[in-house]
Protein backbone atom coordinates (compact mmCIF):
# COMPACT_ATOMS: atom_id res chain seq x y z
CA MET A 1 20.37 -10.96 -13.50
CA ASN A 2 19.53 -14.64 -12.99
CA ASP A 3 22.14 -14.86 -10.21
CA LYS A 4 20.41 -12.06 -8.32
CA ARG A 5 17.04 -13.71 -8.61
CA THR A 6 18.46 -17.02 -7.41
CA ALA A 7 19.87 -15.29 -4.34
CA ALA A 8 16.52 -13.66 -3.72
CA ALA A 9 14.82 -17.02 -3.87
CA GLY A 10 17.10 -18.36 -1.17
CA GLY A 11 19.61 -19.96 -3.53
CA ASP A 12 19.88 -23.72 -3.70
CA ALA A 13 17.00 -25.16 -1.70
CA GLY A 14 19.43 -27.39 0.16
CA SER A 15 21.97 -24.66 0.90
CA PRO A 16 22.51 -24.24 4.67
CA ARG A 17 23.48 -20.61 4.12
CA HIS A 18 20.19 -19.64 2.48
CA VAL A 19 17.82 -21.99 4.28
CA SER A 20 19.40 -22.00 7.68
CA ALA A 21 16.29 -23.38 9.35
CA ALA A 22 15.88 -26.28 6.91
CA ARG A 23 17.49 -28.58 9.47
CA ASP A 24 14.42 -28.13 11.65
CA ALA A 25 12.17 -31.17 11.67
CA ASP A 26 9.17 -28.90 11.22
CA ALA A 27 10.53 -27.35 8.03
CA ALA A 28 11.67 -30.66 6.59
CA SER A 29 8.34 -32.36 7.22
CA ALA A 30 6.47 -29.40 5.74
CA ALA A 31 8.49 -29.65 2.55
CA VAL A 32 7.74 -33.36 2.27
CA VAL A 33 4.07 -33.20 3.19
CA PHE A 34 3.18 -30.19 1.09
CA GLY A 35 5.75 -30.35 -1.71
CA ASP A 36 3.45 -32.16 -4.17
CA ALA A 37 0.03 -31.64 -2.60
CA TRP A 38 -0.20 -27.96 -3.47
CA ARG A 39 0.68 -27.98 -7.14
CA TYR A 40 -1.95 -26.31 -9.28
CA ALA A 41 -2.38 -26.18 -13.01
CA PRO A 42 -1.86 -22.61 -14.29
CA ALA A 43 -5.02 -20.50 -14.24
CA PRO A 44 -3.99 -17.17 -15.77
CA GLU A 45 -6.45 -14.32 -16.08
CA ALA A 46 -6.94 -13.47 -19.77
CA ARG A 47 -5.46 -10.11 -20.69
CA ASP A 48 -6.17 -9.97 -24.43
CA HIS A 49 -9.22 -7.74 -23.86
CA VAL A 50 -7.20 -5.19 -21.86
CA LYS A 51 -6.11 -2.27 -24.00
CA ILE A 52 -2.95 -0.53 -22.80
CA ALA A 53 -2.02 2.37 -25.06
CA PRO A 54 1.60 2.54 -26.22
CA ARG A 55 1.90 6.08 -24.79
CA TYR A 56 0.06 8.17 -22.19
CA ASP A 57 0.16 11.97 -21.91
CA LEU A 58 -0.70 14.19 -18.95
CA PHE A 59 -4.33 14.77 -17.95
CA ILE A 60 -4.61 18.52 -17.35
CA GLY A 61 -7.68 20.73 -17.52
CA GLY A 62 -9.87 17.90 -18.77
CA ALA A 63 -7.63 17.18 -21.79
CA TRP A 64 -4.63 14.99 -22.57
CA ARG A 65 -1.49 17.07 -23.10
CA ALA A 66 2.01 16.12 -24.17
CA PRO A 67 4.66 17.11 -21.62
CA ALA A 68 6.41 20.42 -22.24
CA SER A 69 9.78 18.68 -22.17
CA GLY A 70 8.72 15.97 -24.61
CA ARG A 71 10.17 13.36 -22.25
CA TYR A 72 8.53 10.01 -21.54
CA LEU A 73 9.36 7.22 -19.10
CA ASP A 74 8.85 3.47 -19.47
CA SER A 75 6.39 1.50 -17.39
CA ILE A 76 7.91 -1.93 -16.75
CA SER A 77 6.01 -4.99 -15.53
CA PRO A 78 7.97 -6.34 -12.53
CA SER A 79 6.85 -9.91 -13.15
CA THR A 80 8.18 -10.16 -16.72
CA GLU A 81 10.35 -7.06 -17.20
CA GLU A 82 8.32 -6.29 -20.33
CA LYS A 83 7.69 -2.68 -21.31
CA LEU A 84 3.99 -2.02 -20.91
CA CYS A 85 3.90 1.54 -22.25
CA GLU A 86 5.46 4.99 -22.10
CA PHE A 87 4.10 7.74 -19.88
CA ALA A 88 4.81 11.47 -19.77
CA GLU A 89 7.33 13.01 -17.39
CA ALA A 90 5.76 16.23 -16.14
CA SER A 91 8.03 19.22 -15.60
CA GLU A 92 7.50 22.24 -13.34
CA GLN A 93 5.83 23.94 -16.30
CA ASP A 94 3.35 21.07 -16.65
CA VAL A 95 2.64 21.05 -12.92
CA ASP A 96 2.04 24.79 -13.04
CA LEU A 97 -0.53 24.29 -15.82
CA ALA A 98 -2.22 21.56 -13.77
CA VAL A 99 -2.41 23.75 -10.65
CA GLN A 100 -3.78 26.67 -12.69
CA ALA A 101 -6.42 24.39 -14.19
CA ALA A 102 -7.35 23.11 -10.73
CA ARG A 103 -7.57 26.67 -9.36
CA THR A 104 -9.80 27.81 -12.21
CA ALA A 105 -12.05 24.77 -11.83
CA TYR A 106 -12.28 25.34 -8.08
CA GLU A 107 -13.17 29.01 -8.26
CA LYS A 108 -15.51 28.91 -11.27
CA ARG A 109 -17.17 25.50 -11.15
CA TRP A 110 -16.56 22.93 -8.45
CA SER A 111 -16.87 25.07 -5.30
CA ARG A 112 -20.01 26.73 -6.73
CA LEU A 113 -21.67 23.44 -7.66
CA ARG A 114 -24.45 22.20 -5.41
CA PRO A 115 -23.03 19.62 -2.98
CA LEU A 116 -25.73 17.21 -4.16
CA ASP A 117 -24.43 17.51 -7.73
CA ARG A 118 -20.83 17.01 -6.62
CA GLY A 119 -21.98 13.79 -5.00
CA LYS A 120 -23.57 12.64 -8.25
CA TYR A 121 -20.28 13.03 -10.10
CA ILE A 122 -18.46 11.02 -7.42
CA TYR A 123 -21.12 8.29 -7.57
CA ARG A 124 -20.62 8.17 -11.33
CA ILE A 125 -16.89 7.54 -10.85
CA ALA A 126 -17.62 4.77 -8.33
CA ARG A 127 -19.98 2.98 -10.69
CA ALA A 128 -17.51 3.24 -13.57
CA ILE A 129 -14.79 1.66 -11.41
CA GLN A 130 -17.14 -1.23 -10.68
CA GLU A 131 -17.97 -1.63 -14.37
CA LYS A 132 -14.29 -1.66 -15.35
CA ALA A 133 -13.12 -3.64 -12.34
CA ARG A 134 -11.78 -6.62 -14.27
CA GLU A 135 -9.68 -4.50 -16.61
CA LEU A 136 -8.39 -2.34 -13.76
CA ALA A 137 -7.45 -5.36 -11.64
CA ILE A 138 -5.45 -6.89 -14.50
CA VAL A 139 -3.59 -3.65 -15.17
CA GLU A 140 -2.89 -3.23 -11.45
CA SER A 141 -1.30 -6.68 -11.30
CA LEU A 142 0.63 -6.19 -14.54
CA ASP A 143 2.01 -2.81 -13.50
CA GLY A 144 2.61 -3.47 -9.81
CA GLY A 145 3.24 -7.21 -9.53
CA LYS A 146 0.60 -8.05 -6.91
CA PRO A 147 -1.50 -11.24 -7.32
CA ILE A 148 -4.68 -10.81 -9.31
CA LYS A 149 -6.78 -12.14 -6.43
CA GLU A 150 -5.51 -9.27 -4.27
CA SER A 151 -6.16 -6.66 -6.99
CA ARG A 152 -9.53 -8.18 -7.86
CA ASP A 153 -10.85 -8.99 -4.38
CA VAL A 154 -9.29 -6.24 -2.25
CA ASP A 155 -8.01 -3.21 -4.15
CA LEU A 156 -10.83 -2.74 -6.65
CA PRO A 157 -13.79 -3.22 -4.28
CA LEU A 158 -12.17 -0.88 -1.75
CA ALA A 159 -11.41 1.76 -4.39
CA ALA A 160 -15.05 1.80 -5.51
CA ALA A 161 -16.21 1.75 -1.88
CA HIS A 162 -14.22 4.89 -1.08
CA PHE A 163 -15.88 6.80 -3.90
CA PHE A 164 -19.33 5.50 -2.94
CA TYR A 165 -18.81 6.35 0.73
CA HIS A 166 -17.54 9.87 0.15
CA ALA A 167 -20.17 10.58 -2.49
CA GLY A 168 -22.70 10.15 0.28
CA TRP A 169 -20.97 12.77 2.41
CA ALA A 170 -20.84 15.45 -0.31
CA ASP A 171 -24.19 17.03 0.66
CA LYS A 172 -24.01 16.16 4.37
CA LEU A 173 -20.85 17.92 5.52
CA GLU A 174 -22.76 20.16 7.92
CA HIS A 175 -24.15 17.03 9.55
CA ALA A 176 -20.62 15.63 9.87
CA PHE A 177 -19.62 18.69 11.89
CA PRO A 178 -22.84 19.92 13.55
CA GLY A 179 -22.96 23.53 14.64
CA ARG A 180 -19.92 24.42 12.53
CA ARG A 181 -19.42 25.69 8.99
CA PRO A 182 -17.23 23.42 6.83
CA ARG A 183 -15.55 24.96 3.77
CA PRO A 184 -13.19 23.43 1.19
CA LEU A 185 -9.52 24.36 1.28
CA GLY A 186 -9.03 24.91 -2.45
CA VAL A 187 -6.47 22.98 -4.51
CA ALA A 188 -5.12 19.71 -3.10
CA GLY A 189 -1.81 18.27 -4.27
CA GLN A 190 -1.71 14.52 -3.74
CA VAL A 191 1.32 12.25 -4.08
CA ILE A 192 0.70 8.50 -3.85
CA PRO A 193 2.93 5.39 -3.62
CA TRP A 194 3.33 2.26 -5.71
CA ASN A 195 1.97 -0.37 -3.33
CA PHE A 196 -1.77 0.40 -3.77
CA PRO A 197 -1.86 2.66 -6.85
CA LEU A 198 -5.58 2.76 -7.58
CA LEU A 199 -6.72 2.41 -3.97
CA MET A 200 -4.45 5.24 -2.83
CA ALA A 201 -5.76 7.42 -5.65
CA ALA A 202 -9.33 6.73 -4.49
CA TRP A 203 -8.29 7.19 -0.86
CA LYS A 204 -7.06 10.71 -1.66
CA LEU A 205 -9.36 11.92 -4.45
CA ALA A 206 -12.73 10.85 -3.05
CA PRO A 207 -12.69 12.85 0.23
CA ALA A 208 -11.07 15.87 -1.44
CA LEU A 209 -13.77 16.01 -4.11
CA ALA A 210 -16.59 15.41 -1.62
CA ALA A 211 -15.29 18.29 0.47
CA GLY A 212 -15.38 20.58 -2.58
CA ASN A 213 -11.67 20.74 -3.41
CA THR A 214 -10.00 20.24 -6.79
CA CYS A 215 -6.96 17.99 -7.16
CA VAL A 216 -3.57 17.53 -8.78
CA LEU A 217 -2.63 13.86 -8.40
CA LYS A 218 0.89 12.53 -8.90
CA PRO A 219 1.13 8.69 -8.99
CA ALA A 220 4.34 6.73 -8.38
CA GLU A 221 6.68 6.44 -11.35
CA THR A 222 6.73 2.63 -11.19
CA THR A 223 2.93 2.24 -11.16
CA PRO A 224 1.26 5.06 -13.13
CA LEU A 225 -1.16 3.03 -15.25
CA THR A 226 -4.26 2.66 -13.08
CA ALA A 227 -4.12 6.35 -12.13
CA LEU A 228 -4.10 7.16 -15.85
CA LEU A 229 -7.01 4.79 -16.47
CA LEU A 230 -8.82 6.48 -13.58
CA ALA A 231 -8.22 9.80 -15.35
CA LYS A 232 -9.96 8.33 -18.42
CA ILE A 233 -12.88 7.32 -16.19
CA ILE A 234 -13.02 10.86 -14.79
CA GLU A 235 -12.98 12.23 -18.34
CA GLU A 236 -15.84 9.92 -19.32
CA ALA A 237 -17.75 10.96 -16.18
CA ASP A 238 -17.77 14.53 -17.54
CA LEU A 239 -16.34 16.16 -14.46
CA PRO A 240 -15.77 19.87 -15.09
CA PRO A 241 -12.35 20.37 -16.72
CA GLY A 242 -9.56 20.80 -14.19
CA VAL A 243 -11.36 19.29 -11.19
CA VAL A 244 -8.95 16.33 -11.29
CA ASN A 245 -5.56 16.55 -12.98
CA VAL A 246 -3.08 13.68 -13.21
CA VAL A 247 0.61 14.49 -13.69
CA THR A 248 2.99 11.56 -14.01
CA GLY A 249 6.74 11.52 -13.55
CA ALA A 250 9.47 10.78 -11.03
CA GLY A 251 10.59 12.52 -7.85
CA ALA A 252 11.08 15.93 -9.46
CA THR A 253 7.42 15.96 -10.52
CA GLY A 254 6.27 15.18 -6.98
CA ALA A 255 8.55 17.91 -5.61
CA ALA A 256 7.03 20.39 -8.07
CA VAL A 257 3.51 19.53 -6.85
CA VAL A 258 4.54 19.86 -3.20
CA GLY A 259 6.40 23.13 -3.71
CA HIS A 260 3.88 24.90 -5.95
CA PRO A 261 2.62 28.08 -4.23
CA GLY A 262 -0.86 27.64 -5.72
CA VAL A 263 -1.53 24.42 -3.79
CA ASP A 264 -3.43 24.78 -0.51
CA LYS A 265 -3.10 21.25 0.83
CA ILE A 266 -0.62 18.40 0.41
CA ALA A 267 -1.51 14.76 1.09
CA PHE A 268 1.40 12.35 0.84
CA THR A 269 1.69 8.61 1.30
CA GLY A 270 5.18 7.15 1.05
CA SER A 271 8.47 6.74 2.86
CA THR A 272 9.29 8.43 6.15
CA GLU A 273 12.42 9.94 4.66
CA VAL A 274 10.50 11.73 1.89
CA GLY A 275 7.76 12.70 4.33
CA LYS A 276 10.29 14.49 6.52
CA ARG A 277 11.62 16.38 3.51
CA ILE A 278 8.09 17.46 2.59
CA GLN A 279 7.40 18.64 6.12
CA ARG A 280 10.58 20.72 6.14
CA ALA A 281 9.76 22.18 2.72
CA LEU A 282 6.25 23.24 3.80
CA ALA A 283 7.22 24.70 7.17
CA GLY A 284 5.98 28.28 7.34
CA THR A 285 4.06 28.18 4.05
CA GLY A 286 0.61 27.89 5.62
CA LYS A 287 -0.23 24.81 3.53
CA ARG A 288 -2.20 22.06 5.20
CA LEU A 289 -0.41 18.70 5.31
CA THR A 290 -1.21 15.08 6.05
CA LEU A 291 1.42 12.34 5.94
CA GLU A 292 0.92 8.58 5.92
CA LEU A 293 4.42 7.15 6.13
CA GLY A 294 6.29 3.97 7.00
CA GLY A 295 5.45 1.25 9.47
CA LYS A 296 6.85 -1.75 11.29
CA ALA A 297 3.66 -3.33 12.53
CA ALA A 298 3.73 -5.76 15.44
CA ASN A 299 1.46 -8.80 15.36
CA ILE A 300 1.10 -9.98 18.99
CA VAL A 301 0.03 -13.60 19.55
CA PHE A 302 -0.92 -14.63 23.10
CA GLU A 303 -1.01 -18.22 24.35
CA ASP A 304 -4.84 -18.29 24.38
CA ALA A 305 -5.08 -17.16 20.73
CA PRO A 306 -6.77 -19.31 18.05
CA LEU A 307 -3.47 -20.38 16.47
CA ASP A 308 -4.80 -21.57 13.11
CA GLN A 309 -6.67 -18.29 12.68
CA ALA A 310 -3.59 -16.36 13.78
CA VAL A 311 -1.42 -18.14 11.21
CA GLU A 312 -3.78 -17.16 8.41
CA GLY A 313 -3.80 -13.57 9.64
CA ILE A 314 0.00 -13.53 9.78
CA ILE A 315 0.26 -14.95 6.26
CA ARG A 316 -2.24 -12.45 4.89
CA GLY A 317 -0.61 -9.58 6.74
CA ILE A 318 2.89 -10.09 5.32
CA PHE A 319 3.05 -12.59 2.45
CA PHE A 320 -0.12 -12.23 0.33
CA ASN A 321 0.84 -8.64 -0.46
CA GLN A 322 4.60 -9.34 -0.78
CA GLY A 323 5.02 -7.20 2.33
CA HIS A 324 4.25 -4.19 0.10
CA VAL A 325 2.06 -2.58 2.73
CA CYS A 326 3.13 0.13 5.14
CA CYS A 327 1.01 -1.63 7.77
CA ALA A 328 2.35 -5.13 6.94
CA GLY A 329 2.78 -7.24 10.06
CA SER A 330 6.51 -7.69 9.62
CA ARG A 331 7.22 -8.17 13.35
CA LEU A 332 5.64 -11.22 14.99
CA LEU A 333 5.65 -11.19 18.81
CA VAL A 334 4.77 -14.63 20.19
CA GLU A 335 4.21 -15.65 23.80
CA GLU A 336 6.96 -18.12 24.69
CA SER A 337 4.59 -20.91 25.73
CA VAL A 338 3.13 -21.21 22.20
CA HIS A 339 6.20 -20.21 20.20
CA ASP A 340 7.10 -23.71 19.00
CA ALA A 341 3.52 -24.69 18.16
CA LEU A 342 2.89 -21.50 16.23
CA LEU A 343 6.19 -21.72 14.33
CA HIS A 344 5.40 -25.33 13.35
CA LYS A 345 2.04 -24.27 11.88
CA LEU A 346 3.52 -21.17 10.26
CA ARG A 347 6.31 -23.06 8.49
CA GLU A 348 3.86 -25.65 7.23
CA ARG A 349 1.61 -22.91 5.89
CA MET A 350 4.53 -21.08 4.24
CA ALA A 351 5.44 -24.29 2.42
CA THR A 352 2.05 -24.14 0.65
CA LEU A 353 2.40 -20.60 -0.67
CA ARG A 354 2.53 -20.29 -4.43
CA VAL A 355 4.93 -17.69 -5.84
CA GLY A 356 4.70 -16.69 -9.49
CA ASP A 357 2.71 -15.04 -12.26
CA PRO A 358 0.56 -12.28 -10.70
CA LEU A 359 -2.16 -12.92 -13.29
CA ASP A 360 -2.47 -16.56 -12.22
CA LYS A 361 -5.48 -16.90 -9.95
CA ASN A 362 -3.62 -19.52 -7.87
CA THR A 363 -0.72 -17.20 -7.05
CA ASP A 364 -0.34 -16.15 -3.42
CA VAL A 365 2.88 -14.12 -3.65
CA GLY A 366 3.56 -11.97 -6.68
CA ALA A 367 6.54 -9.99 -7.91
CA ILE A 368 8.56 -7.34 -6.12
CA ASN A 369 7.66 -3.92 -7.51
CA SER A 370 11.08 -2.96 -8.89
CA ARG A 371 14.73 -3.98 -9.13
CA ALA A 372 15.64 -1.24 -6.60
CA GLN A 373 13.12 -2.58 -4.08
CA LEU A 374 14.37 -6.14 -4.58
CA GLU A 375 17.94 -5.06 -3.88
CA LYS A 376 16.82 -3.31 -0.68
CA ILE A 377 15.09 -6.49 0.51
CA GLN A 378 18.17 -8.57 -0.29
CA ASP A 379 20.38 -6.16 1.67
CA LEU A 380 18.18 -6.27 4.77
CA VAL A 381 17.85 -10.06 4.65
CA ALA A 382 21.63 -10.40 4.35
CA SER A 383 21.99 -8.17 7.43
CA GLY A 384 19.64 -10.47 9.36
CA GLU A 385 21.86 -13.45 8.56
CA ARG A 386 25.02 -11.54 9.47
CA GLU A 387 23.54 -10.48 12.81
CA GLY A 388 22.82 -14.10 13.75
CA ALA A 389 19.10 -14.60 13.15
CA ALA A 390 18.05 -18.01 11.78
CA ARG A 391 16.46 -17.85 8.34
CA PHE A 392 13.78 -20.14 6.95
CA THR A 393 12.83 -19.95 3.28
CA PRO A 394 10.66 -22.78 1.93
CA ARG A 395 11.63 -24.60 -1.25
CA CYS A 396 10.43 -22.35 -4.02
CA ALA A 397 11.03 -22.25 -7.77
CA LEU A 398 10.85 -18.71 -9.09
CA PRO A 399 10.19 -17.51 -12.65
CA GLU A 400 13.20 -16.91 -14.88
CA ARG A 401 12.38 -13.25 -15.53
CA GLY A 402 11.16 -10.50 -13.24
CA TYR A 403 11.85 -9.42 -9.68
CA TRP A 404 11.11 -12.11 -7.12
CA PHE A 405 11.74 -12.90 -3.48
CA ALA A 406 10.49 -16.04 -1.77
CA PRO A 407 8.58 -15.80 1.53
CA THR A 408 11.14 -15.72 4.35
CA LEU A 409 10.97 -16.04 8.12
CA PHE A 410 13.62 -15.17 10.72
CA THR A 411 13.71 -16.58 14.25
CA GLY A 412 16.10 -15.66 17.04
CA VAL A 413 15.62 -12.00 16.20
CA ALA A 414 16.77 -9.34 18.67
CA GLN A 415 15.28 -5.87 19.01
CA SER A 416 18.59 -4.42 17.82
CA HIS A 417 18.58 -6.28 14.49
CA ARG A 418 17.96 -4.18 11.40
CA ILE A 419 15.25 -6.58 10.26
CA ALA A 420 13.37 -5.81 13.50
CA ARG A 421 13.81 -2.04 13.22
CA GLU A 422 13.70 -1.05 9.54
CA GLU A 423 10.78 -1.20 7.14
CA ILE A 424 11.58 -3.99 4.66
CA PHE A 425 8.60 -3.70 2.31
CA GLY A 426 9.07 -7.31 1.27
CA PRO A 427 7.77 -10.80 2.22
CA VAL A 428 10.08 -11.09 5.24
CA LEU A 429 8.84 -11.84 8.77
CA SER A 430 10.85 -11.38 11.98
CA VAL A 431 9.82 -13.44 15.01
CA LEU A 432 10.42 -12.30 18.60
CA THR A 433 9.12 -13.72 21.88
CA PHE A 434 7.67 -12.32 25.11
CA ARG A 435 6.59 -13.66 28.51
CA THR A 436 4.10 -11.08 29.83
CA PRO A 437 1.62 -8.67 28.24
CA GLU A 438 3.69 -5.77 29.56
CA GLU A 439 6.78 -7.08 27.78
CA ALA A 440 4.79 -7.52 24.56
CA ILE A 441 3.59 -3.92 24.69
CA GLU A 442 7.09 -2.63 25.45
CA LYS A 443 8.57 -4.51 22.49
CA ALA A 444 5.72 -3.56 20.16
CA ASN A 445 6.12 0.13 21.00
CA ASN A 446 9.92 0.02 20.77
CA THR A 447 10.01 1.38 17.24
CA MET A 448 10.12 4.78 15.59
CA TYR A 449 6.92 3.84 13.75
CA GLY A 450 3.33 3.69 14.96
CA LEU A 451 1.02 2.93 12.08
CA SER A 452 -0.70 -0.34 12.97
CA ALA A 453 -0.63 -3.48 15.09
CA GLY A 454 -2.49 -6.75 15.60
CA VAL A 455 -3.58 -8.62 18.74
CA TRP A 456 -4.50 -12.30 18.80
CA THR A 457 -6.26 -13.59 21.91
CA ALA A 458 -9.48 -15.36 22.93
CA LYS A 459 -10.19 -12.71 25.57
CA GLY A 460 -11.90 -9.55 24.40
CA SER A 461 -10.89 -7.70 27.57
CA LYS A 462 -7.21 -8.45 26.86
CA SER A 463 -7.59 -7.15 23.30
CA PHE A 464 -8.91 -3.82 24.58
CA TRP A 465 -6.31 -3.63 27.36
CA VAL A 466 -3.46 -4.15 24.90
CA ALA A 467 -4.93 -1.91 22.19
CA GLN A 468 -5.21 1.01 24.61
CA ARG A 469 -1.50 0.76 25.39
CA LEU A 470 -0.15 0.33 21.87
CA ARG A 471 1.13 3.46 20.17
CA ALA A 472 -0.39 2.58 16.82
CA GLY A 473 -3.03 4.36 14.80
CA VAL A 474 -4.91 1.15 13.95
CA VAL A 475 -5.06 -2.02 16.06
CA TRP A 476 -6.74 -5.13 14.66
CA ALA A 477 -8.02 -7.88 16.99
CA ASN A 478 -8.00 -11.48 15.70
CA THR A 479 -7.66 -10.25 12.13
CA PHE A 480 -5.22 -8.13 10.13
CA ASN A 481 -5.19 -5.66 7.23
CA LYS A 482 -8.93 -5.05 7.16
CA PHE A 483 -9.98 -1.67 5.83
CA ASP A 484 -13.22 0.27 5.55
CA PRO A 485 -13.75 3.76 4.08
CA SER A 486 -15.77 4.79 7.15
CA ALA A 487 -12.86 4.02 9.52
CA PRO A 488 -10.03 6.55 9.94
CA PHE A 489 -6.52 5.35 9.15
CA GLY A 490 -3.21 6.95 10.10
CA GLY A 491 -0.26 6.71 12.44
CA TYR A 492 1.78 8.07 15.31
CA LYS A 493 5.44 9.06 15.61
CA GLU A 494 7.36 8.67 12.34
CA SER A 495 4.41 6.97 10.67
CA GLY A 496 3.00 10.41 9.99
CA PHE A 497 0.03 12.48 11.15
CA GLY A 498 -3.53 13.13 10.07
CA ARG A 499 -6.18 10.57 9.23
CA GLU A 500 -7.70 9.28 6.00
CA GLY A 501 -11.17 7.74 5.88
CA GLY A 502 -14.28 8.47 7.91
CA ARG A 503 -15.27 11.91 9.18
CA GLN A 504 -11.70 12.47 10.38
CA GLY A 505 -10.45 12.02 6.82
CA LEU A 506 -12.96 14.58 5.53
CA LEU A 507 -11.74 17.07 8.12
CA ALA A 508 -8.28 16.99 6.53
CA TYR A 509 -9.77 18.61 3.40
CA LEU A 510 -11.94 21.19 5.13
CA GLU A 511 -11.69 24.49 6.96
CA VAL A 512 -14.20 24.22 9.79
CA ASP A 513 -15.36 27.39 11.57
């Protein structure tokens, strides 16, 4: 186990095999200049007030039910490998009960409720998330491995914001689609990933509820805890029984939700491979479907860009979230004339990143979500070295236990390299160069994905010119990974279809005549 973590960290800091770019003067000077200057005393967030139950059942029909099979899975903290709790593994029988409860709640209560009153319930959930934000942020970091400052300052405020935003739409749907008659679809089955557990739950539940649907939510098996705590919030908010049901488990549970004939709409966020399987399974069933899948986002830096600002955007886009974002900027396209200057700044900045305890408020890069994900990252990084790219990993001491991978940068990357084509979902950045805007656009679009992209330039006209030509659902200009519940989010090509957020996201949960 320790050997694997050492390899993930880049091995011996002086090893030419693992730190192939350490011979660069830039990298060496960065290690010297920043090696001692950025040491912080530990500042862990207290967790003694956070109550995690030893076991969690399924939330079905407004009550907590043991799984029909009697089987439970372990929730493991990726930063310490400690067992946090046990959670129920829902079977097809449990999913059937959840769908029946959702159908009953839809037909007898939720769809008949005044839209204004539906909005009040959603507001109540939003306020409860704000009140419990500290506890939820700690659990999110414990269960998923992301730094507490990301959970606290990004995930929790955005989760509450999505409920607040959609609560406001609940009684205004006819204004969202003037001259048309919006109606809810019925029961929505929602399957969410492990990278933003609570935020993805809010992202899916809030618009569905505002539109008048009821929900069966299935969280990822490696990060079920905040979805279960959200179920407790929903219980305390006195939503009618069955309006929201939470069924935990592994892939078989998700497949049962997707395949249940009583579900009218499926919303899935996850891998492209699973998304394709879902699309094939639903073909001809008449179910509505939205998919938010993988990405290989290009961050394009032009010679007139504010380089210091660009470096911070690059760091935030790939390293602060361990690359655990489908829209992570894992491909960096740099204009040749500023390549050396940008790489110098980027390596210096990487040398200051602090990897470690997710609950430490100084931590920049937390733990990898699971052993399986760590092994995937290691495999792809090894392929980059085999294919001839030059690797730079700053000197970095990693914790003895848990799943860790130090921030890593590859230069000399070709379009054909696996690290330039495949979604890594780890803190690994591939750097390519271009000479003209046309070449940058061609390289950025040369991927099966099309979820997001970034453009860095001092010229607003160039930002718009490039954005119009990129085949990406979201394009950020002089920033990266900024989200707002009023802005639609989604992709092209194998990054999925449909939009979440804004009026477009509401439309995905409505029949509009």
